[in-house]
Amino acid sequence: MWNTRVRWQPVVRNVKPRPRPAESEAQSLFKTGAQSRRGAFASHWMGMDITWLTGRIAVGGGIWTADNMAKVAQAGITHIIDMQIEFDDTPLGKAHGIEVLWNPADDDFEPKPADLFQRGVEFAERALEEPETKLFIHCAAGVHRAPMMALAILGSMGWELGDAQQLIQQRRPAADFTDVYVQSVEAFLNGGG
């Protein structure tokens, strides 16, 4: 007869756990972020969303908080073109000595006026005259408006539009160039708009 009171017990071996490799900073940030995804802005879970196109020009998503603006300052960014209509970063930037151009544009897939690009290009030109400055161009998600402005800035610096678009997409795969936004940049660079 079987003893029905005996419970199954797992076999425990005397095995030492393998040492874990040291976490990289990115892994550490990911771990922290995975624990905090319940927050209001999931895009903040890995820190600031900044993609460097060149050594001095970056694009990305929204800043939203003083803590994130502090991270932007720590990255050496001195100037910001804020393309989002949703939030003005100017007060956050002042606390860190960062000059902000709030250049709001609606992400409505409609043609953009030349003066929108003109303000951004003039601000970028002034900012990049100094050899130690760094420029961050952002919108809410860093998908449409920030890459569009980066395209206009690189185009005004003499880049061929196709080459500039390719650079942006290689460095920031999330960038999405809608035809109407590219046509708006082309019209601006050709003196129209």
Protein backbone atom coordinates (compact mmCIF):
# COMPACT_ATOMS: atom_id res chain seq x y z
CA MET A 1 0.00 0.00 0.00
CA TRP A 2 1.25 3.52 -0.87
CA ASN A 3 1.85 6.11 1.81
CA THR A 4 -0.32 9.00 0.72
CA ARG A 5 1.15 11.39 3.30
CA VAL A 6 4.56 11.68 1.69
CA ARG A 7 5.02 14.91 -0.22
CA TRP A 8 7.36 15.31 -3.13
CA GLN A 9 10.57 17.15 -2.20
CA PRO A 10 12.88 18.62 -4.83
CA VAL A 11 16.44 17.40 -4.92
CA VAL A 12 18.74 20.14 -3.71
CA ARG A 13 22.28 19.99 -4.96
CA ASN A 14 25.16 21.82 -3.45
CA VAL A 15 25.59 24.17 -6.41
CA LYS A 16 27.16 27.58 -6.05
CA PRO A 17 25.43 30.29 -8.04
CA ARG A 18 27.45 31.63 -10.92
CA PRO A 19 28.68 35.17 -10.40
CA ARG A 20 26.72 37.68 -12.41
CA PRO A 21 28.62 39.98 -14.74
CA ALA A 22 28.62 43.61 -13.70
CA GLU A 23 25.65 45.50 -15.10
CA SER A 24 26.35 48.11 -17.69
CA GLU A 25 24.84 51.53 -17.15
CA ALA A 26 22.27 50.82 -19.87
CA GLN A 27 21.28 47.52 -18.24
CA SER A 28 20.99 49.26 -14.91
CA LEU A 29 18.79 51.96 -16.42
CA PHE A 30 16.67 49.31 -18.12
CA LYS A 31 16.21 47.44 -14.85
CA THR A 32 15.20 50.63 -13.07
CA GLY A 33 12.87 51.53 -15.91
CA ALA A 34 11.22 48.13 -16.01
CA GLN A 35 10.33 48.61 -12.38
CA SER A 36 8.82 52.04 -12.99
CA ARG A 37 6.76 51.51 -16.15
CA ARG A 38 3.64 52.18 -14.17
CA GLY A 39 4.49 55.91 -14.19
CA ALA A 40 2.69 58.51 -16.26
CA PHE A 41 5.39 58.87 -18.91
CA ALA A 42 6.75 55.50 -19.99
CA SER A 43 9.26 57.26 -22.25
CA HIS A 44 11.14 58.43 -19.16
CA TRP A 45 11.82 54.99 -17.82
CA MET A 46 15.26 54.77 -19.46
CA GLY A 47 16.27 58.33 -18.75
CA MET A 48 16.34 61.01 -21.40
CA ASP A 49 15.61 60.15 -25.00
CA ILE A 50 18.56 61.75 -26.80
CA THR A 51 20.05 60.59 -30.11
CA TRP A 52 23.24 62.32 -31.26
CA LEU A 53 23.28 63.01 -34.99
CA THR A 54 26.66 64.73 -34.87
CA GLY A 55 28.98 65.54 -32.01
CA ARG A 56 26.97 68.69 -31.34
CA ILE A 57 23.43 68.14 -32.66
CA ALA A 58 20.94 65.72 -31.11
CA VAL A 59 17.26 64.89 -31.53
CA GLY A 60 14.84 63.20 -29.19
CA GLY A 61 11.65 63.14 -27.22
CA GLY A 62 10.11 65.38 -24.58
CA ILE A 63 11.85 66.55 -21.43
CA TRP A 64 8.77 67.21 -19.28
CA THR A 65 10.42 67.37 -15.81
CA ALA A 66 13.14 69.22 -13.91
CA ASP A 67 14.95 65.92 -13.30
CA ASN A 68 15.07 65.23 -17.03
CA MET A 69 16.26 68.76 -17.74
CA ALA A 70 19.09 68.13 -15.25
CA LYS A 71 20.03 65.04 -17.32
CA VAL A 72 20.00 67.17 -20.46
CA ALA A 73 22.36 69.65 -18.78
CA GLN A 74 24.62 66.80 -17.64
CA ALA A 75 24.85 65.68 -21.28
CA GLY A 76 26.46 69.06 -22.03
CA ILE A 77 23.51 70.44 -23.96
CA THR A 78 23.48 74.24 -23.94
CA HIS A 79 20.65 75.02 -26.38
CA ILE A 80 17.26 73.43 -27.07
CA ILE A 81 14.78 73.78 -29.89
CA ASP A 82 11.49 72.61 -28.40
CA MET A 83 9.14 71.71 -31.26
CA GLN A 84 6.32 70.34 -29.14
CA ILE A 85 3.13 72.31 -28.83
CA GLU A 86 2.29 70.29 -25.72
CA PHE A 87 4.85 71.77 -23.29
CA ASP A 88 7.21 74.75 -23.11
CA ASP A 89 10.62 73.82 -21.66
CA THR A 90 11.77 77.42 -21.21
CA PRO A 91 11.30 77.62 -17.41
CA LEU A 92 13.02 74.26 -16.91
CA GLY A 93 15.95 75.32 -19.08
CA LYS A 94 16.52 78.61 -17.22
CA ALA A 95 17.28 76.74 -14.00
CA HIS A 96 20.22 75.05 -15.78
CA GLY A 97 21.42 77.95 -17.91
CA ILE A 98 20.12 76.29 -21.07
CA GLU A 99 18.75 78.58 -23.75
CA VAL A 100 15.44 77.30 -25.11
CA LEU A 101 13.60 78.25 -28.28
CA TRP A 102 10.00 77.17 -27.93
CA ASN A 103 9.04 76.68 -31.57
CA PRO A 104 5.71 74.86 -31.24
CA ALA A 105 4.39 72.90 -34.18
CA ASP A 106 1.33 70.71 -34.27
CA ASP A 107 2.04 67.15 -35.44
CA ASP A 108 -0.96 67.27 -37.74
CA PHE A 109 0.59 66.03 -41.01
CA GLU A 110 -0.13 69.38 -42.62
CA PRO A 111 2.40 71.59 -44.48
CA LYS A 112 4.58 73.69 -42.15
CA PRO A 113 5.27 77.38 -42.77
CA ALA A 114 8.72 78.69 -43.64
CA ASP A 115 8.86 80.91 -40.55
CA LEU A 116 8.78 77.81 -38.32
CA PHE A 117 11.97 76.57 -39.97
CA GLN A 118 13.51 80.05 -40.16
CA ARG A 119 13.23 80.52 -36.36
CA GLY A 120 14.80 77.12 -35.72
CA VAL A 121 17.62 77.52 -38.24
CA GLU A 122 18.54 81.01 -37.00
CA PHE A 123 18.57 79.80 -33.40
CA ALA A 124 20.73 76.79 -34.36
CA GLU A 125 23.17 78.95 -36.31
CA ARG A 126 23.62 81.33 -33.36
CA ALA A 127 23.97 78.41 -30.94
CA LEU A 128 26.54 76.55 -33.03
CA GLU A 129 28.72 79.64 -33.59
CA GLU A 130 30.34 78.91 -30.23
CA PRO A 131 32.66 75.88 -30.38
CA GLU A 132 31.59 74.27 -27.09
CA THR A 133 27.81 74.42 -27.49
CA LYS A 134 25.52 71.48 -28.07
CA LEU A 135 22.02 71.64 -29.53
CA PHE A 136 19.10 69.34 -28.67
CA ILE A 137 16.07 69.41 -30.98
CA HIS A 138 13.05 67.66 -29.56
CA CYS A 139 9.31 67.20 -29.73
CA ALA A 140 7.09 64.95 -27.63
CA ALA A 141 8.24 61.60 -29.06
CA GLY A 142 11.16 62.51 -31.33
CA VAL A 143 9.50 60.87 -34.32
CA HIS A 144 8.17 63.62 -36.63
CA ARG A 145 8.69 67.25 -35.63
CA ALA A 146 12.23 67.05 -34.17
CA PRO A 147 13.62 65.05 -37.11
CA MET A 148 11.85 67.47 -39.47
CA MET A 149 13.60 70.45 -37.85
CA ALA A 150 16.92 68.59 -37.77
CA LEU A 151 16.52 67.98 -41.49
CA ALA A 152 15.97 71.71 -42.09
CA ILE A 153 19.01 72.62 -39.98
CA LEU A 154 21.31 70.11 -41.65
CA GLY A 155 19.99 71.20 -45.06
CA SER A 156 20.71 74.84 -44.23
CA MET A 157 24.26 73.79 -43.27
CA GLY A 158 24.82 72.48 -46.80
CA TRP A 159 23.87 68.83 -46.42
CA GLU A 160 22.07 67.21 -49.35
CA LEU A 161 18.55 66.52 -48.12
CA GLY A 162 18.74 62.80 -48.95
CA ASP A 163 22.04 62.43 -47.08
CA ALA A 164 20.72 64.34 -44.07
CA GLN A 165 17.56 62.23 -44.02
CA GLN A 166 19.62 59.05 -44.24
CA LEU A 167 21.87 60.15 -41.37
CA ILE A 168 18.90 60.95 -39.15
CA GLN A 169 17.18 57.64 -39.92
CA GLN A 170 20.38 55.64 -39.39
CA ARG A 171 21.07 57.27 -36.03
CA ARG A 172 17.42 57.38 -34.96
CA PRO A 173 15.43 54.56 -36.54
CA ALA A 174 12.23 55.83 -34.89
CA ALA A 175 12.38 58.98 -37.04
CA ASP A 176 9.54 59.02 -39.55
CA PHE A 177 9.69 61.47 -42.42
CA THR A 178 6.20 62.04 -43.75
CA ASP A 179 6.10 63.38 -47.28
CA VAL A 180 4.33 66.60 -46.32
CA TYR A 181 7.02 67.44 -43.73
CA VAL A 182 9.88 66.71 -46.14
CA GLN A 183 8.15 68.83 -48.80
CA SER A 184 7.81 71.65 -46.25
CA VAL A 185 11.56 71.48 -45.52
CA GLU A 186 12.35 71.43 -49.27
CA ALA A 187 10.13 74.46 -49.86
CA PHE A 188 11.85 76.34 -47.01
CA LEU A 189 15.35 75.50 -48.26
CA ASN A 190 14.37 76.55 -51.79
CA GLY A 191 13.20 79.94 -50.53
CA GLY A 192 9.49 79.15 -50.66
CA GLY A 193 7.09 78.02 -48.03
